[in-house]
N, C-alpha and C. Protein backbone atom coordinates (compact mmCIF):
# COMPACT_ATOMS: atom_id res chain seq x y z
N UNK A 1 -47.99 8.39 1.91
CA UNK A 1 -48.49 7.68 0.76
C UNK A 1 -49.42 8.61 -0.02
N UNK A 2 -49.33 8.60 -1.33
CA UNK A 2 -50.16 9.47 -2.15
C UNK A 2 -51.61 9.02 -2.10
N UNK A 3 -52.53 9.99 -2.19
CA UNK A 3 -53.95 9.68 -2.14
C UNK A 3 -54.40 8.77 -3.28
N UNK A 4 -53.78 8.87 -4.44
CA UNK A 4 -54.17 8.05 -5.58
C UNK A 4 -53.80 6.58 -5.38
N UNK A 5 -52.78 6.30 -4.59
CA UNK A 5 -52.31 4.93 -4.38
C UNK A 5 -52.98 4.27 -3.17
N UNK A 6 -53.44 5.06 -2.22
CA UNK A 6 -54.01 4.54 -0.98
C UNK A 6 -55.09 3.47 -1.19
N UNK A 7 -56.04 3.64 -2.13
CA UNK A 7 -57.09 2.63 -2.29
C UNK A 7 -56.57 1.24 -2.64
N UNK A 8 -55.42 1.17 -3.31
CA UNK A 8 -54.86 -0.14 -3.65
C UNK A 8 -54.48 -0.94 -2.40
N UNK A 9 -54.22 -0.25 -1.32
CA UNK A 9 -53.82 -0.91 -0.09
C UNK A 9 -54.95 -1.00 0.93
N UNK A 10 -56.00 -0.20 0.76
CA UNK A 10 -57.04 -0.15 1.79
C UNK A 10 -58.43 -0.57 1.32
N UNK A 11 -58.72 -0.53 0.03
CA UNK A 11 -60.06 -0.85 -0.46
C UNK A 11 -60.13 -2.32 -0.88
N UNK A 12 -60.87 -3.18 -0.12
CA UNK A 12 -60.91 -4.61 -0.43
C UNK A 12 -61.55 -4.90 -1.79
N UNK A 13 -62.52 -4.13 -2.21
CA UNK A 13 -63.15 -4.35 -3.51
C UNK A 13 -62.15 -4.08 -4.63
N UNK A 14 -61.42 -3.00 -4.52
CA UNK A 14 -60.40 -2.66 -5.51
C UNK A 14 -59.28 -3.71 -5.51
N UNK A 15 -58.90 -4.18 -4.35
CA UNK A 15 -57.86 -5.21 -4.26
C UNK A 15 -58.31 -6.49 -4.96
N UNK A 16 -59.56 -6.88 -4.76
CA UNK A 16 -60.09 -8.08 -5.38
C UNK A 16 -60.12 -7.95 -6.91
N UNK A 17 -60.58 -6.79 -7.38
CA UNK A 17 -60.62 -6.56 -8.82
C UNK A 17 -59.23 -6.53 -9.43
N UNK A 18 -58.30 -5.91 -8.74
CA UNK A 18 -56.92 -5.84 -9.22
C UNK A 18 -56.30 -7.23 -9.27
N UNK A 19 -56.55 -8.04 -8.26
CA UNK A 19 -56.01 -9.40 -8.23
C UNK A 19 -56.55 -10.22 -9.40
N UNK A 20 -57.83 -10.09 -9.69
CA UNK A 20 -58.42 -10.81 -10.82
C UNK A 20 -57.89 -10.31 -12.16
N UNK A 21 -57.70 -9.01 -12.26
CA UNK A 21 -57.13 -8.45 -13.48
C UNK A 21 -55.71 -8.98 -13.70
N UNK A 22 -54.91 -9.01 -12.64
CA UNK A 22 -53.54 -9.52 -12.75
C UNK A 22 -53.54 -11.00 -13.12
N UNK A 23 -54.44 -11.78 -12.52
CA UNK A 23 -54.52 -13.19 -12.86
C UNK A 23 -54.90 -13.36 -14.33
N UNK A 24 -55.84 -12.57 -14.80
CA UNK A 24 -56.26 -12.64 -16.19
C UNK A 24 -55.11 -12.29 -17.13
N UNK A 25 -54.43 -11.21 -16.86
CA UNK A 25 -53.37 -10.75 -17.76
C UNK A 25 -52.09 -11.59 -17.66
N UNK A 26 -51.75 -12.05 -16.47
CA UNK A 26 -50.48 -12.73 -16.26
C UNK A 26 -50.58 -14.24 -16.32
N UNK A 27 -51.78 -14.77 -16.18
CA UNK A 27 -51.94 -16.22 -16.10
C UNK A 27 -52.76 -16.73 -17.27
N UNK A 28 -53.96 -16.21 -17.41
CA UNK A 28 -54.85 -16.74 -18.44
C UNK A 28 -54.38 -16.38 -19.84
N UNK A 29 -53.96 -15.17 -20.07
CA UNK A 29 -53.50 -14.76 -21.39
C UNK A 29 -52.00 -14.99 -21.52
N UNK A 30 -51.57 -16.18 -21.17
CA UNK A 30 -50.14 -16.47 -21.17
C UNK A 30 -49.85 -17.63 -22.12
N UNK A 31 -48.64 -18.09 -22.09
CA UNK A 31 -48.24 -19.22 -22.93
C UNK A 31 -49.02 -20.48 -22.57
N UNK A 32 -49.54 -20.56 -21.36
CA UNK A 32 -50.34 -21.72 -20.96
C UNK A 32 -51.53 -21.91 -21.89
N UNK A 33 -52.20 -20.83 -22.25
CA UNK A 33 -53.33 -20.91 -23.17
C UNK A 33 -52.86 -21.37 -24.54
N UNK A 34 -51.71 -20.90 -25.00
CA UNK A 34 -51.21 -21.28 -26.31
C UNK A 34 -50.85 -22.76 -26.36
N UNK A 35 -50.36 -23.30 -25.27
CA UNK A 35 -50.02 -24.72 -25.22
C UNK A 35 -51.24 -25.60 -25.43
N UNK A 36 -52.38 -25.15 -24.95
CA UNK A 36 -53.59 -25.95 -25.04
C UNK A 36 -54.49 -25.55 -26.20
N UNK A 37 -54.02 -24.66 -27.06
CA UNK A 37 -54.81 -24.22 -28.19
C UNK A 37 -54.39 -24.90 -29.49
N UNK A 38 -53.48 -25.84 -29.40
CA UNK A 38 -52.96 -26.50 -30.59
C UNK A 38 -53.89 -27.57 -31.13
N UNK A 39 -53.38 -28.34 -32.05
CA UNK A 39 -54.14 -29.40 -32.68
C UNK A 39 -54.17 -30.62 -31.76
N UNK A 40 -55.35 -31.19 -31.62
CA UNK A 40 -55.50 -32.41 -30.82
C UNK A 40 -55.97 -33.53 -31.75
N UNK A 41 -55.55 -34.75 -31.48
CA UNK A 41 -55.94 -35.86 -32.36
C UNK A 41 -57.40 -36.28 -32.12
N UNK A 42 -57.92 -37.02 -33.09
CA UNK A 42 -59.24 -37.62 -32.95
C UNK A 42 -59.06 -39.09 -32.59
N UNK A 43 -60.08 -39.65 -31.99
CA UNK A 43 -60.00 -41.04 -31.54
C UNK A 43 -61.29 -41.77 -31.91
N UNK A 44 -61.13 -42.92 -32.57
CA UNK A 44 -62.32 -43.73 -32.88
C UNK A 44 -62.90 -44.36 -31.63
N UNK A 45 -62.05 -44.73 -30.69
CA UNK A 45 -62.53 -45.39 -29.46
C UNK A 45 -63.10 -44.39 -28.47
N UNK A 46 -62.70 -43.11 -28.60
CA UNK A 46 -63.18 -42.08 -27.68
C UNK A 46 -62.33 -41.91 -26.45
N UNK A 47 -61.47 -42.89 -26.14
CA UNK A 47 -60.61 -42.78 -24.96
C UNK A 47 -59.14 -42.56 -25.32
N UNK A 48 -58.86 -42.38 -26.61
CA UNK A 48 -57.52 -42.11 -27.15
C UNK A 48 -56.54 -43.27 -26.99
N UNK A 49 -57.04 -44.44 -26.67
CA UNK A 49 -56.15 -45.60 -26.57
C UNK A 49 -55.67 -46.05 -27.95
N UNK A 50 -56.33 -45.60 -29.01
CA UNK A 50 -55.96 -45.98 -30.37
C UNK A 50 -55.06 -44.94 -31.05
N UNK A 51 -54.63 -43.91 -30.34
CA UNK A 51 -53.84 -42.83 -30.93
C UNK A 51 -52.37 -42.98 -30.51
N UNK A 52 -51.49 -42.86 -31.50
CA UNK A 52 -50.05 -42.88 -31.22
C UNK A 52 -49.39 -41.69 -31.90
N UNK A 53 -48.28 -41.24 -31.34
CA UNK A 53 -47.46 -40.19 -31.94
C UNK A 53 -46.21 -40.87 -32.48
N UNK A 54 -45.98 -40.70 -33.78
CA UNK A 54 -44.84 -41.35 -34.43
C UNK A 54 -43.65 -40.39 -34.45
N UNK A 55 -42.54 -40.85 -33.91
CA UNK A 55 -41.29 -40.09 -33.98
C UNK A 55 -40.31 -40.91 -34.81
N UNK A 56 -39.17 -40.36 -35.17
CA UNK A 56 -38.19 -41.15 -35.92
C UNK A 56 -37.66 -42.35 -35.12
N UNK A 57 -37.85 -42.33 -33.81
CA UNK A 57 -37.28 -43.36 -32.97
C UNK A 57 -38.29 -44.36 -32.41
N UNK A 58 -39.53 -43.92 -32.23
CA UNK A 58 -40.52 -44.81 -31.62
C UNK A 58 -41.93 -44.27 -31.83
N UNK A 59 -42.89 -45.14 -31.55
CA UNK A 59 -44.29 -44.71 -31.50
C UNK A 59 -44.67 -44.60 -30.03
N UNK A 60 -45.21 -43.44 -29.66
CA UNK A 60 -45.58 -43.21 -28.26
C UNK A 60 -47.10 -43.14 -28.17
N UNK A 61 -47.71 -43.99 -27.36
CA UNK A 61 -49.16 -43.88 -27.17
C UNK A 61 -49.52 -42.48 -26.66
N UNK A 62 -50.59 -41.92 -27.21
CA UNK A 62 -51.02 -40.57 -26.87
C UNK A 62 -51.18 -40.38 -25.36
N UNK A 63 -51.80 -41.34 -24.70
CA UNK A 63 -52.04 -41.20 -23.26
C UNK A 63 -50.75 -41.20 -22.46
N UNK A 64 -49.76 -41.96 -22.90
CA UNK A 64 -48.45 -41.96 -22.23
C UNK A 64 -47.78 -40.61 -22.45
N UNK A 65 -47.86 -40.10 -23.66
CA UNK A 65 -47.26 -38.80 -23.97
C UNK A 65 -47.89 -37.69 -23.12
N UNK A 66 -49.20 -37.72 -22.98
CA UNK A 66 -49.86 -36.70 -22.17
C UNK A 66 -49.38 -36.74 -20.72
N UNK A 67 -49.21 -37.94 -20.19
CA UNK A 67 -48.73 -38.06 -18.80
C UNK A 67 -47.31 -37.54 -18.66
N UNK A 68 -46.49 -37.73 -19.69
CA UNK A 68 -45.10 -37.26 -19.65
C UNK A 68 -45.02 -35.74 -19.76
N UNK A 69 -45.84 -35.17 -20.63
CA UNK A 69 -45.72 -33.75 -20.98
C UNK A 69 -46.59 -32.86 -20.12
N UNK A 70 -47.80 -33.27 -19.83
CA UNK A 70 -48.77 -32.41 -19.15
C UNK A 70 -48.92 -32.78 -17.69
N UNK A 71 -49.02 -31.77 -16.88
CA UNK A 71 -49.28 -32.00 -15.46
C UNK A 71 -50.75 -32.35 -15.23
N UNK A 72 -51.61 -31.94 -16.14
CA UNK A 72 -53.03 -32.21 -16.01
C UNK A 72 -53.70 -32.25 -17.35
N UNK A 73 -54.93 -32.69 -17.37
CA UNK A 73 -55.68 -32.76 -18.60
C UNK A 73 -56.16 -31.37 -19.00
N UNK A 74 -56.69 -31.27 -20.20
CA UNK A 74 -57.22 -29.99 -20.66
C UNK A 74 -58.31 -29.51 -19.72
N UNK A 75 -59.18 -30.41 -19.30
CA UNK A 75 -60.27 -30.04 -18.41
C UNK A 75 -59.75 -29.52 -17.07
N UNK A 76 -58.69 -30.15 -16.56
CA UNK A 76 -58.10 -29.71 -15.29
C UNK A 76 -57.47 -28.32 -15.43
N UNK A 77 -56.77 -28.10 -16.54
CA UNK A 77 -56.15 -26.79 -16.77
C UNK A 77 -57.22 -25.72 -16.95
N UNK A 78 -58.27 -26.04 -17.72
CA UNK A 78 -59.36 -25.09 -17.92
C UNK A 78 -60.02 -24.75 -16.59
N UNK A 79 -60.26 -25.75 -15.75
CA UNK A 79 -60.85 -25.49 -14.44
C UNK A 79 -59.95 -24.58 -13.61
N UNK A 80 -58.64 -24.80 -13.69
CA UNK A 80 -57.69 -23.97 -12.96
C UNK A 80 -57.76 -22.52 -13.43
N UNK A 81 -57.83 -22.33 -14.74
CA UNK A 81 -57.91 -20.97 -15.29
C UNK A 81 -59.20 -20.31 -14.86
N UNK A 82 -60.31 -21.03 -14.91
CA UNK A 82 -61.60 -20.47 -14.53
C UNK A 82 -61.59 -20.07 -13.06
N UNK A 83 -61.03 -20.91 -12.22
CA UNK A 83 -60.94 -20.59 -10.79
C UNK A 83 -60.08 -19.34 -10.57
N UNK A 84 -58.97 -19.24 -11.32
CA UNK A 84 -58.05 -18.12 -11.13
C UNK A 84 -58.68 -16.78 -11.49
N UNK A 85 -59.60 -16.78 -12.44
CA UNK A 85 -60.17 -15.51 -12.88
C UNK A 85 -61.68 -15.44 -12.65
N UNK A 86 -62.20 -16.27 -11.77
CA UNK A 86 -63.63 -16.28 -11.50
C UNK A 86 -64.11 -14.89 -11.09
N UNK A 87 -65.13 -14.45 -11.75
CA UNK A 87 -65.68 -13.11 -11.47
C UNK A 87 -66.90 -13.25 -10.57
N UNK A 88 -66.73 -13.06 -9.32
CA UNK A 88 -67.83 -13.15 -8.35
C UNK A 88 -68.07 -11.81 -7.70
């Protein structure tokens, strides 16, 4: 094994930094961020029960749409991203 590559396999500090860099580049700066950077509706009630999405076929309550489309809320996704790239 070449001397320049050896630290990637033997140095725990370098391995940790490399793992965080890969998570940042491959996970955080990915399409996942773009999905959650779009326009979000406003709600008079504050719980979004008054928001609907109008399609040519039906009106879908915002909260129902979120459950269909998203695996988690914005806060859950943000927490996941922060955990993935936590710099400790």
